[in-house]
Amino acid sequence: MHELSVASAIVEACAGRAGGARVLRVTVEVGELAAVSPDALRFCFDTCAQGTAVAGAELDIVEIPGRATCDACGGSVALSSPYGVCACGGYLRIVRGRELRVREMEVV
């Protein structure tokens, strides 16, 4: 369950940037192809946040759909796994869906 280390890094980064202020909300972008379960991340986030400035903060997860372009025909293709081949037989280059970043946080 690597979501625990991801959640720990998010909490650590937010607590550090909050400068002692209480964090109310954290918004995170998670790509469909990032191999991170939003439910597991949410559970781990609450656990990691205990005893920090992030304790009790709401975690908003924005899921980014997977998208690729074909090197052969230039077509755009929706992806739900990191592997695939275009209908034309060309190789796909992932352009969206691997994101994993803190987009914003709200503090008081």
PDB file of N, CA and C in Angstrom:
ATOM      1  N   MET A   1       0.851  -1.186   0.000  1.00  0.00           N
ATOM      2  CA  MET A   1       0.000   0.000   0.000  1.00  0.00           C
ATOM      3  C   MET A   1       0.888   1.237   0.000  1.00  0.00           C
ATOM      4  N   HIS A   2       1.296   1.678  -1.187  1.00  0.00           N
ATOM      5  CA  HIS A   2       2.154   2.856  -1.267  1.00  0.00           C
ATOM      6  C   HIS A   2       1.390   4.148  -1.008  1.00  0.00           C
ATOM      7  N   GLU A   3       0.068   4.070  -0.934  1.00  0.00           N
ATOM      8  CA  GLU A   3      -0.728   5.256  -0.622  1.00  0.00           C
ATOM      9  C   GLU A   3      -0.346   5.841   0.732  1.00  0.00           C
ATOM     10  N   LEU A   4       0.125   4.992   1.642  1.00  0.00           N
ATOM     11  CA  LEU A   4       0.547   5.477   2.957  1.00  0.00           C
ATOM     12  C   LEU A   4       1.736   6.427   2.834  1.00  0.00           C
ATOM     13  N   SER A   5       2.708   6.074   2.014  1.00  0.00           N
ATOM     14  CA  SER A   5       3.860   6.964   1.839  1.00  0.00           C
ATOM     15  C   SER A   5       3.470   8.223   1.064  1.00  0.00           C
ATOM     16  N   VAL A   6       2.547   8.088   0.122  1.00  0.00           N
ATOM     17  CA  VAL A   6       2.063   9.262  -0.624  1.00  0.00           C
ATOM     18  C   VAL A   6       1.327  10.202   0.332  1.00  0.00           C
ATOM     19  N   ALA A   7       0.439   9.651   1.150  1.00  0.00           N
ATOM     20  CA  ALA A   7      -0.309  10.468   2.108  1.00  0.00           C
ATOM     21  C   ALA A   7       0.624  11.132   3.110  1.00  0.00           C
ATOM     22  N   SER A   8       1.619  10.399   3.572  1.00  0.00           N
ATOM     23  CA  SER A   8       2.586  10.953   4.520  1.00  0.00           C
ATOM     24  C   SER A   8       3.334  12.132   3.904  1.00  0.00           C
ATOM     25  N   ALA A   9       3.725  12.007   2.651  1.00  0.00           N
ATOM     26  CA  ALA A   9       4.431  13.096   1.964  1.00  0.00           C
ATOM     27  C   ALA A   9       3.526  14.311   1.781  1.00  0.00           C
ATOM     28  N   ILE A  10       2.253  14.080   1.486  1.00  0.00           N
ATOM     29  CA  ILE A  10       1.303  15.189   1.328  1.00  0.00           C
ATOM     30  C   ILE A  10       1.132  15.925   2.645  1.00  0.00           C
ATOM     31  N   VAL A  11       0.925  15.173   3.720  1.00  0.00           N
ATOM     32  CA  VAL A  11       0.741  15.784   5.043  1.00  0.00           C
ATOM     33  C   VAL A  11       1.987  16.559   5.451  1.00  0.00           C
ATOM     34  N   GLU A  12       3.150  15.965   5.252  1.00  0.00           N
ATOM     35  CA  GLU A  12       4.406  16.626   5.615  1.00  0.00           C
ATOM     36  C   GLU A  12       4.587  17.928   4.832  1.00  0.00           C
ATOM     37  N   ALA A  13       4.310  17.888   3.535  1.00  0.00           N
ATOM     38  CA  ALA A  13       4.466  19.085   2.694  1.00  0.00           C
ATOM     39  C   ALA A  13       3.488  20.177   3.115  1.00  0.00           C
ATOM     40  N   CYS A  14       2.249  19.801   3.367  1.00  0.00           N
ATOM     41  CA  CYS A  14       1.236  20.793   3.743  1.00  0.00           C
ATOM     42  C   CYS A  14       1.511  21.376   5.120  1.00  0.00           C
ATOM     43  N   ALA A  15       1.875  20.541   6.066  1.00  0.00           N
ATOM     44  CA  ALA A  15       2.180  21.030   7.411  1.00  0.00           C
ATOM     45  C   ALA A  15       3.373  21.984   7.375  1.00  0.00           C
ATOM     46  N   GLY A  16       4.361  21.659   6.569  1.00  0.00           N
ATOM     47  CA  GLY A  16       5.527  22.528   6.438  1.00  0.00           C
ATOM     48  C   GLY A  16       5.202  23.867   5.814  1.00  0.00           C
ATOM     49  N   ARG A  17       4.376  23.846   4.768  1.00  0.00           N
ATOM     50  CA  ARG A  17       4.011  25.094   4.082  1.00  0.00           C
ATOM     51  C   ARG A  17       3.024  25.934   4.884  1.00  0.00           C
ATOM     52  N   ALA A  18       2.273  25.304   5.801  1.00  0.00           N
ATOM     53  CA  ALA A  18       1.275  26.037   6.579  1.00  0.00           C
ATOM     54  C   ALA A  18       1.911  26.957   7.606  1.00  0.00           C
ATOM     55  N   GLY A  19       3.178  26.718   7.952  1.00  0.00           N
ATOM     56  CA  GLY A  19       3.884  27.599   8.877  1.00  0.00           C
ATOM     57  C   GLY A  19       3.228  27.710  10.240  1.00  0.00           C
ATOM     58  N   GLY A  20       2.675  26.618  10.743  1.00  0.00           N
ATOM     59  CA  GLY A  20       2.041  26.635  12.056  1.00  0.00           C
ATOM     60  C   GLY A  20       0.546  26.892  12.023  1.00  0.00           C
ATOM     61  N   ALA A  21       0.016  27.344  10.915  1.00  0.00           N
ATOM     62  CA  ALA A  21      -1.422  27.565  10.797  1.00  0.00           C
ATOM     63  C   ALA A  21      -2.134  26.221  10.657  1.00  0.00           C
ATOM     64  N   ARG A  22      -3.416  26.220  10.988  1.00  0.00           N
ATOM     65  CA  ARG A  22      -4.213  24.999  10.873  1.00  0.00           C
ATOM     66  C   ARG A  22      -4.686  24.849   9.434  1.00  0.00           C
ATOM     67  N   VAL A  23      -4.525  23.649   8.889  1.00  0.00           N
ATOM     68  CA  VAL A  23      -4.950  23.359   7.514  1.00  0.00           C
ATOM     69  C   VAL A  23      -6.385  22.855   7.551  1.00  0.00           C
ATOM     70  N   LEU A  24      -7.260  23.493   6.769  1.00  0.00           N
ATOM     71  CA  LEU A  24      -8.674  23.108   6.726  1.00  0.00           C
ATOM     72  C   LEU A  24      -8.995  22.166   5.569  1.00  0.00           C
ATOM     73  N   ARG A  25      -8.334  22.379   4.440  1.00  0.00           N
ATOM     74  CA  ARG A  25      -8.641  21.590   3.244  1.00  0.00           C
ATOM     75  C   ARG A  25      -7.390  21.453   2.388  1.00  0.00           C
ATOM     76  N   VAL A  26      -7.245  20.278   1.794  1.00  0.00           N
ATOM     77  CA  VAL A  26      -6.158  20.007   0.863  1.00  0.00           C
ATOM     78  C   VAL A  26      -6.790  19.437  -0.404  1.00  0.00           C
ATOM     79  N   THR A  27      -6.445  20.016  -1.547  1.00  0.00           N
ATOM     80  CA  THR A  27      -6.940  19.509  -2.831  1.00  0.00           C
ATOM     81  C   THR A  27      -5.773  18.880  -3.568  1.00  0.00           C
ATOM     82  N   VAL A  28      -5.955  17.628  -3.956  1.00  0.00           N
ATOM     83  CA  VAL A  28      -4.909  16.851  -4.602  1.00  0.00           C
ATOM     84  C   VAL A  28      -5.412  16.360  -5.956  1.00  0.00           C
ATOM     85  N   GLU A  29      -4.569  16.448  -6.978  1.00  0.00           N
ATOM     86  CA  GLU A  29      -4.879  15.880  -8.288  1.00  0.00           C
ATOM     87  C   GLU A  29      -4.244  14.496  -8.365  1.00  0.00           C
ATOM     88  N   VAL A  30      -5.053  13.492  -8.717  1.00  0.00           N
ATOM     89  CA  VAL A  30      -4.568  12.121  -8.843  1.00  0.00           C
ATOM     90  C   VAL A  30      -4.969  11.612 -10.222  1.00  0.00           C
ATOM     91  N   GLY A  31      -3.980  11.310 -11.034  1.00  0.00           N
ATOM     92  CA  GLY A  31      -4.244  10.790 -12.367  1.00  0.00           C
ATOM     93  C   GLY A  31      -4.721   9.344 -12.329  1.00  0.00           C
ATOM     94  N   GLU A  32      -5.586   9.012 -13.248  1.00  0.00           N
ATOM     95  CA  GLU A  32      -6.124   7.656 -13.351  1.00  0.00           C
ATOM     96  C   GLU A  32      -5.018   6.621 -13.579  1.00  0.00           C
ATOM     97  N   LEU A  33      -3.915   7.053 -14.162  1.00  0.00           N
ATOM     98  CA  LEU A  33      -2.808   6.151 -14.468  1.00  0.00           C
ATOM     99  C   LEU A  33      -1.684   6.216 -13.431  1.00  0.00           C
ATOM    100  N   ALA A  34      -1.906   6.922 -12.333  1.00  0.00           N
ATOM    101  CA  ALA A  34      -0.872   7.102 -11.308  1.00  0.00           C
ATOM    102  C   ALA A  34      -0.769   5.918 -10.349  1.00  0.00           C
ATOM    103  N   ALA A  35      -1.636   4.943 -10.492  1.00  0.00           N
ATOM    104  CA  ALA A  35      -1.633   3.746  -9.629  1.00  0.00           C
ATOM    105  C   ALA A  35      -1.816   4.099  -8.160  1.00  0.00           C
ATOM    106  N   VAL A  36      -2.702   5.074  -7.901  1.00  0.00           N
ATOM    107  CA  VAL A  36      -3.024   5.470  -6.538  1.00  0.00           C
ATOM    108  C   VAL A  36      -4.541   5.366  -6.375  1.00  0.00           C
ATOM    109  N   SER A  37      -4.971   4.603  -5.385  1.00  0.00           N
ATOM    110  CA  SER A  37      -6.398   4.454  -5.104  1.00  0.00           C
ATOM    111  C   SER A  37      -6.875   5.651  -4.288  1.00  0.00           C
ATOM    112  N   PRO A  38      -7.839   6.421  -4.816  1.00  0.00           N
ATOM    113  CA  PRO A  38      -8.345   7.570  -4.058  1.00  0.00           C
ATOM    114  C   PRO A  38      -8.894   7.187  -2.678  1.00  0.00           C
ATOM    115  N   ASP A  39      -9.604   6.059  -2.575  1.00  0.00           N
ATOM    116  CA  ASP A  39     -10.150   5.644  -1.278  1.00  0.00           C
ATOM    117  C   ASP A  39      -9.039   5.319  -0.287  1.00  0.00           C
ATOM    118  N   ALA A  40      -8.024   4.592  -0.736  1.00  0.00           N
ATOM    119  CA  ALA A  40      -6.905   4.258   0.143  1.00  0.00           C
ATOM    120  C   ALA A  40      -6.137   5.514   0.535  1.00  0.00           C
ATOM    121  N   LEU A  41      -5.971   6.443  -0.409  1.00  0.00           N
ATOM    122  CA  LEU A  41      -5.271   7.696  -0.113  1.00  0.00           C
ATOM    123  C   LEU A  41      -6.022   8.492   0.941  1.00  0.00           C
ATOM    124  N   ARG A  42      -7.338   8.546   0.822  1.00  0.00           N
ATOM    125  CA  ARG A  42      -8.159   9.289   1.785  1.00  0.00           C
ATOM    126  C   ARG A  42      -8.024   8.677   3.184  1.00  0.00           C
ATOM    127  N   PHE A  43      -8.080   7.356   3.274  1.00  0.00           N
ATOM    128  CA  PHE A  43      -7.930   6.672   4.563  1.00  0.00           C
ATOM    129  C   PHE A  43      -6.552   6.951   5.167  1.00  0.00           C
ATOM    130  N   CYS A  44      -5.520   6.806   4.372  1.00  0.00           N
ATOM    131  CA  CYS A  44      -4.149   7.020   4.848  1.00  0.00           C
ATOM    132  C   CYS A  44      -3.902   8.474   5.222  1.00  0.00           C
ATOM    133  N   PHE A  45      -4.501   9.398   4.488  1.00  0.00           N
ATOM    134  CA  PHE A  45      -4.348  10.825   4.774  1.00  0.00           C
ATOM    135  C   PHE A  45      -4.832  11.130   6.186  1.00  0.00           C
ATOM    136  N   ASP A  46      -6.014  10.646   6.537  1.00  0.00           N
ATOM    137  CA  ASP A  46      -6.565  10.894   7.871  1.00  0.00           C
ATOM    138  C   ASP A  46      -5.659  10.329   8.959  1.00  0.00           C
ATOM    139  N   THR A  47      -5.106   9.153   8.714  1.00  0.00           N
ATOM    140  CA  THR A  47      -4.211   8.518   9.675  1.00  0.00           C
ATOM    141  C   THR A  47      -2.912   9.310   9.821  1.00  0.00           C
ATOM    142  N   CYS A  48      -2.312   9.703   8.709  1.00  0.00           N
ATOM    143  CA  CYS A  48      -1.043  10.440   8.734  1.00  0.00           C
ATOM    144  C   CYS A  48      -1.194  11.844   9.322  1.00  0.00           C
ATOM    145  N   ALA A  49      -2.372  12.434   9.176  1.00  0.00           N
ATOM    146  CA  ALA A  49      -2.588  13.808   9.627  1.00  0.00           C
ATOM    147  C   ALA A  49      -2.747  13.933  11.138  1.00  0.00           C
ATOM    148  N   GLN A  50      -3.043  12.831  11.823  1.00  0.00           N
ATOM    149  CA  GLN A  50      -3.252  12.884  13.268  1.00  0.00           C
ATOM    150  C   GLN A  50      -2.039  13.495  13.974  1.00  0.00           C
ATOM    151  N   GLY A  51      -2.317  14.462  14.849  1.00  0.00           N
ATOM    152  CA  GLY A  51      -1.257  15.093  15.626  1.00  0.00           C
ATOM    153  C   GLY A  51      -0.465  16.152  14.873  1.00  0.00           C
ATOM    154  N   THR A  52      -0.927  16.537  13.684  1.00  0.00           N
ATOM    155  CA  THR A  52      -0.240  17.571  12.896  1.00  0.00           C
ATOM    156  C   THR A  52      -1.180  18.745  12.665  1.00  0.00           C
ATOM    157  N   ALA A  53      -0.676  19.789  12.029  1.00  0.00           N
ATOM    158  CA  ALA A  53      -1.506  20.949  11.672  1.00  0.00           C
ATOM    159  C   ALA A  53      -2.557  20.584  10.624  1.00  0.00           C
ATOM    160  N   VAL A  54      -2.429  19.412  10.042  1.00  0.00           N
ATOM    161  CA  VAL A  54      -3.346  18.963   8.992  1.00  0.00           C
ATOM    162  C   VAL A  54      -4.482  18.103   9.574  1.00  0.00           C
ATOM    163  N   ALA A  55      -4.416  17.773  10.851  1.00  0.00           N
ATOM    164  CA  ALA A  55      -5.436  16.929  11.488  1.00  0.00           C
ATOM    165  C   ALA A  55      -6.822  17.522  11.292  1.00  0.00           C
ATOM    166  N   GLY A  56      -7.745  16.702  10.842  1.00  0.00           N
ATOM    167  CA  GLY A  56      -9.123  17.122  10.629  1.00  0.00           C
ATOM    168  C   GLY A  56      -9.371  17.820   9.307  1.00  0.00           C
ATOM    169  N   ALA A  57      -8.324  18.029   8.521  1.00  0.00           N
ATOM    170  CA  ALA A  57      -8.496  18.702   7.225  1.00  0.00           C
ATOM    171  C   ALA A  57      -9.271  17.809   6.264  1.00  0.00           C
ATOM    172  N   GLU A  58     -10.040  18.443   5.417  1.00  0.00           N
ATOM    173  CA  GLU A  58     -10.783  17.723   4.380  1.00  0.00           C
ATOM    174  C   GLU A  58      -9.847  17.492   3.198  1.00  0.00           C
ATOM    175  N   LEU A  59      -9.863  16.294   2.666  1.00  0.00           N
ATOM    176  CA  LEU A  59      -9.053  15.974   1.493  1.00  0.00           C
ATOM    177  C   LEU A  59      -9.960  15.890   0.280  1.00  0.00           C
ATOM    178  N   ASP A  60      -9.763  16.800  -0.656  1.00  0.00           N
ATOM    179  CA  ASP A  60     -10.496  16.774  -1.923  1.00  0.00           C
ATOM    180  C   ASP A  60      -9.585  16.151  -2.968  1.00  0.00           C
ATOM    181  N   ILE A  61     -10.082  15.123  -3.630  1.00  0.00           N
ATOM    182  CA  ILE A  61      -9.294  14.455  -4.656  1.00  0.00           C
ATOM    183  C   ILE A  61      -9.939  14.702  -6.010  1.00  0.00           C
ATOM    184  N   VAL A  62      -9.178  15.319  -6.893  1.00  0.00           N
ATOM    185  CA  VAL A  62      -9.620  15.563  -8.267  1.00  0.00           C
ATOM    186  C   VAL A  62      -8.982  14.481  -9.133  1.00  0.00           C
ATOM    187  N   GLU A  63      -9.802  13.617  -9.695  1.00  0.00           N
ATOM    188  CA  GLU A  63      -9.285  12.530 -10.519  1.00  0.00           C
ATOM    189  C   GLU A  63      -9.118  13.009 -11.965  1.00  0.00           C
ATOM    190  N   ILE A  64      -7.926  12.817 -12.494  1.00  0.00           N
ATOM    191  CA  ILE A  64      -7.589  13.235 -13.856  1.00  0.00           C
ATOM    192  C   ILE A  64      -7.642  12.001 -14.761  1.00  0.00           C
ATOM    193  N   PRO A  65      -8.496  12.017 -15.787  1.00  0.00           N
ATOM    194  CA  PRO A  65      -8.592  10.852 -16.673  1.00  0.00           C
ATOM    195  C   PRO A  65      -7.329  10.655 -17.510  1.00  0.00           C
ATOM    196  N   GLY A  66      -7.070   9.407 -17.847  1.00  0.00           N
ATOM    197  CA  GLY A  66      -5.922   9.083 -18.690  1.00  0.00           C
ATOM    198  C   GLY A  66      -6.169   9.473 -20.143  1.00  0.00           C
ATOM    199  N   ARG A  67      -5.134   9.999 -20.780  1.00  0.00           N
ATOM    200  CA  ARG A  67      -5.242  10.431 -22.173  1.00  0.00           C
ATOM    201  C   ARG A  67      -3.898  10.209 -22.847  1.00  0.00           C
ATOM    202  N   ALA A  68      -3.932   9.819 -24.120  1.00  0.00           N
ATOM    203  CA  ALA A  68      -2.702   9.605 -24.883  1.00  0.00           C
ATOM    204  C   ALA A  68      -2.898  10.099 -26.304  1.00  0.00           C
ATOM    205  N   THR A  69      -1.785  10.349 -26.973  1.00  0.00           N
ATOM    206  CA  THR A  69      -1.828  10.673 -28.396  1.00  0.00           C
ATOM    207  C   THR A  69      -1.043   9.599 -29.143  1.00  0.00           C
ATOM    208  N   CYS A  70      -1.464   9.367 -30.369  1.00  0.00           N
ATOM    209  CA  CYS A  70      -0.820   8.349 -31.192  1.00  0.00           C
ATOM    210  C   CYS A  70       0.349   8.972 -31.946  1.00  0.00           C
ATOM    211  N   ASP A  71       1.502   8.307 -31.884  1.00  0.00           N
ATOM    212  CA  ASP A  71       2.677   8.800 -32.605  1.00  0.00           C
ATOM    213  C   ASP A  71       2.507   8.685 -34.112  1.00  0.00           C
ATOM    214  N   ALA A  72       1.698   7.719 -34.576  1.00  0.00           N
ATOM    215  CA  ALA A  72       1.542   7.489 -36.012  1.00  0.00           C
ATOM    216  C   ALA A  72       0.519   8.420 -36.654  1.00  0.00           C
ATOM    217  N   CYS A  73      -0.706   8.452 -36.085  1.00  0.00           N
ATOM    218  CA  CYS A  73      -1.771   9.221 -36.730  1.00  0.00           C
ATOM    219  C   CYS A  73      -2.100  10.534 -36.039  1.00  0.00           C
ATOM    220  N   GLY A  74      -1.544  10.735 -34.827  1.00  0.00           N
ATOM    221  CA  GLY A  74      -1.804  11.978 -34.099  1.00  0.00           C
ATOM    222  C   GLY A  74      -3.129  12.000 -33.366  1.00  0.00           C
ATOM    223  N   GLY A  75      -3.867  10.894 -33.401  1.00  0.00           N
ATOM    224  CA  GLY A  75      -5.164  10.827 -32.734  1.00  0.00           C
ATOM    225  C   GLY A  75      -5.039  10.886 -31.220  1.00  0.00           C
ATOM    226  N   SER A  76      -6.123  11.303 -30.584  1.00  0.00           N
ATOM    227  CA  SER A  76      -6.190  11.379 -29.129  1.00  0.00           C
ATOM    228  C   SER A  76      -7.052  10.216 -28.634  1.00  0.00           C
ATOM    229  N   VAL A  77      -6.568   9.524 -27.607  1.00  0.00           N
ATOM    230  CA  VAL A  77      -7.224   8.317 -27.131  1.00  0.00           C
ATOM    231  C   VAL A  77      -7.370   8.373 -25.617  1.00  0.00           C
ATOM    232  N   ALA A  78      -8.559   8.006 -25.101  1.00  0.00           N
ATOM    233  CA  ALA A  78      -8.750   7.880 -23.654  1.00  0.00           C
ATOM    234  C   ALA A  78      -8.093   6.583 -23.204  1.00  0.00           C
ATOM    235  N   LEU A  79      -7.399   6.641 -22.064  1.00  0.00           N
ATOM    236  CA  LEU A  79      -6.718   5.459 -21.526  1.00  0.00           C
ATOM    237  C   LEU A  79      -7.170   5.190 -20.100  1.00  0.00           C
ATOM    238  N   SER A  80      -7.399   3.923 -19.779  1.00  0.00           N
ATOM    239  CA  SER A  80      -7.700   3.556 -18.398  1.00  0.00           C
ATOM    240  C   SER A  80      -6.581   2.696 -17.812  1.00  0.00           C
ATOM    241  N   SER A  81      -5.585   2.349 -18.633  1.00  0.00           N
ATOM    242  CA  SER A  81      -4.393   1.644 -18.163  1.00  0.00           C
ATOM    243  C   SER A  81      -3.197   2.265 -18.884  1.00  0.00           C
ATOM    244  N   PRO A  82      -2.000   2.113 -18.342  1.00  0.00           N
ATOM    245  CA  PRO A  82      -0.838   2.771 -18.944  1.00  0.00           C
ATOM    246  C   PRO A  82      -0.322   2.107 -20.219  1.00  0.00           C
ATOM    247  N   TYR A  83      -1.039   1.124 -20.719  1.00  0.00           N
ATOM    248  CA  TYR A  83      -0.615   0.423 -21.927  1.00  0.00           C
ATOM    249  C   TYR A  83      -1.719   0.485 -22.969  1.00  0.00           C
ATOM    250  N   GLY A  84      -1.342   0.493 -24.216  1.00  0.00           N
ATOM    251  CA  GLY A  84      -2.348   0.477 -25.263  1.00  0.00           C
ATOM    252  C   GLY A  84      -1.740   0.740 -26.621  1.00  0.00           C
ATOM    253  N   VAL A  85      -2.525   0.441 -27.611  1.00  0.00           N
ATOM    254  CA  VAL A  85      -2.146   0.677 -28.995  1.00  0.00           C
ATOM    255  C   VAL A  85      -3.323   1.372 -29.653  1.00  0.00           C
ATOM    256  N   CYS A  86      -3.051   2.314 -30.495  1.00  0.00           N
ATOM    257  CA  CYS A  86      -4.089   3.043 -31.217  1.00  0.00           C
ATOM    258  C   CYS A  86      -4.805   2.105 -32.191  1.00  0.00           C
ATOM    259  N   ALA A  87      -6.004   2.474 -32.589  1.00  0.00           N
ATOM    260  CA  ALA A  87      -6.769   1.702 -33.572  1.00  0.00           C
ATOM    261  C   ALA A  87      -6.006   1.577 -34.891  1.00  0.00           C
ATOM    262  N   CYS A  88      -5.129   2.540 -35.188  1.00  0.00           N
ATOM    263  CA  CYS A  88      -4.350   2.486 -36.428  1.00  0.00           C
ATOM    264  C   CYS A  88      -3.134   1.572 -36.287  1.00  0.00           C
ATOM    265  N   GLY A  89      -2.879   1.107 -35.051  1.00  0.00           N
ATOM    266  CA  GLY A  89      -1.724   0.247 -34.801  1.00  0.00           C
ATOM    267  C   GLY A  89      -0.516   0.993 -34.266  1.00  0.00           C
ATOM    268  N   GLY A  90      -0.605   2.313 -34.195  1.00  0.00           N
ATOM    269  CA  GLY A  90       0.510   3.122 -33.715  1.00  0.00           C
ATOM    270  C   GLY A  90       0.661   3.082 -32.200  1.00  0.00           C
ATOM    271  N   TYR A  91       1.846   3.452 -31.747  1.00  0.00           N
ATOM    272  CA  TYR A  91       2.126   3.493 -30.315  1.00  0.00           C
ATOM    273  C   TYR A  91       1.558   4.765 -29.699  1.00  0.00           C
ATOM    274  N   LEU A  92       1.121   4.632 -28.445  1.00  0.00           N
ATOM    275  CA  LEU A  92       0.525   5.747 -27.737  1.00  0.00           C
ATOM    276  C   LEU A  92       1.517   6.386 -26.775  1.00  0.00           C
ATOM    277  N   ARG A  93       1.437   7.708 -26.696  1.00  0.00           N
ATOM    278  CA  ARG A  93       2.257   8.488 -25.756  1.00  0.00           C
ATOM    279  C   ARG A  93       1.300   9.124 -24.743  1.00  0.00           C
ATOM    280  N   ILE A  94       1.478   8.791 -23.475  1.00  0.00           N
ATOM    281  CA  ILE A  94       0.598   9.319 -22.419  1.00  0.00           C
ATOM    282  C   ILE A  94       0.841  10.813 -22.253  1.00  0.00           C
ATOM    283  N   VAL A  95      -0.251  11.582 -22.266  1.00  0.00           N
ATOM    284  CA  VAL A  95      -0.138  13.031 -22.090  1.00  0.00           C
ATOM    285  C   VAL A  95      -0.877  13.528 -20.842  1.00  0.00           C
ATOM    286  N   ARG A  96      -1.792  12.723 -20.299  1.00  0.00           N
ATOM    287  CA  ARG A  96      -2.529  13.072 -19.069  1.00  0.00           C
ATOM    288  C   ARG A  96      -2.829  11.797 -18.295  1.00  0.00           C
ATOM    289  N   GLY A  97      -2.927  11.937 -16.996  1.00  0.00           N
ATOM    290  CA  GLY A  97      -3.368  10.824 -16.184  1.00  0.00           C
ATOM    291  C   GLY A  97      -2.328  10.284 -15.223  1.00  0.00           C
ATOM    292  N   ARG A  98      -1.096  10.789 -15.287  1.00  0.00           N
ATOM    293  CA  ARG A  98      -0.061  10.344 -14.347  1.00  0.00           C
ATOM    294  C   ARG A  98       0.169  11.366 -13.235  1.00  0.00           C
ATOM    295  N   GLU A  99      -0.643  12.404 -13.206  1.00  0.00           N
ATOM    296  CA  GLU A  99      -0.468  13.475 -12.218  1.00  0.00           C
ATOM    297  C   GLU A  99      -0.639  12.946 -10.794  1.00  0.00           C
ATOM    298  N   LEU A 100       0.118  13.524  -9.900  1.00  0.00           N
ATOM    299  CA  LEU A 100      -0.023  13.288  -8.470  1.00  0.00           C
ATOM    300  C   LEU A 100       0.579  14.506  -7.791  1.00  0.00           C
ATOM    301  N   ARG A 101      -0.268  15.480  -7.496  1.00  0.00           N
ATOM    302  CA  ARG A 101       0.249  16.728  -6.925  1.00  0.00           C
ATOM    303  C   ARG A 101      -0.790  17.414  -6.050  1.00  0.00           C
ATOM    304  N   VAL A 102      -0.278  18.188  -5.102  1.00  0.00           N
ATOM    305  CA  VAL A 102      -1.131  19.023  -4.272  1.00  0.00           C
ATOM    306  C   VAL A 102      -1.434  20.267  -5.094  1.00  0.00           C
ATOM    307  N   ARG A 103      -2.713  20.489  -5.360  1.00  0.00           N
ATOM    308  CA  ARG A 103      -3.110  21.649  -6.152  1.00  0.00           C
ATOM    309  C   ARG A 103      -3.261  22.894  -5.274  1.00  0.00           C
ATOM    310  N   GLU A 104      -3.862  22.718  -4.099  1.00  0.00           N
ATOM    311  CA  GLU A 104      -4.025  23.858  -3.201  1.00  0.00           C
ATOM    312  C   GLU A 104      -4.358  23.382  -1.794  1.00  0.00           C
ATOM    313  N   MET A 105      -4.195  24.290  -0.848  1.00  0.00           N
ATOM    314  CA  MET A 105      -4.614  24.004   0.527  1.00  0.00           C
ATOM    315  C   MET A 105      -5.174  25.274   1.134  1.00  0.00           C
ATOM    316  N   GLU A 106      -6.094  25.080   2.042  1.00  0.00           N
ATOM    317  CA  GLU A 106      -6.752  26.199   2.712  1.00  0.00           C
ATOM    318  C   GLU A 106      -6.329  26.175   4.178  1.00  0.00           C
ATOM    319  N   VAL A 107      -5.866  27.310   4.684  1.00  0.00           N
ATOM    320  CA  VAL A 107      -5.414  27.400   6.085  1.00  0.00           C
ATOM    321  C   VAL A 107      -6.140  28.520   6.812  1.00  0.00           C
ATOM    322  N   VAL A 108      -6.090  28.441   8.148  1.00  0.00           N
ATOM    323  CA  VAL A 108      -6.640  29.528   8.972  1.00  0.00           C
ATOM    324  C   VAL A 108      -5.582  30.046   9.908  1.00  0.00           C
TER     325      VAL A 108
END
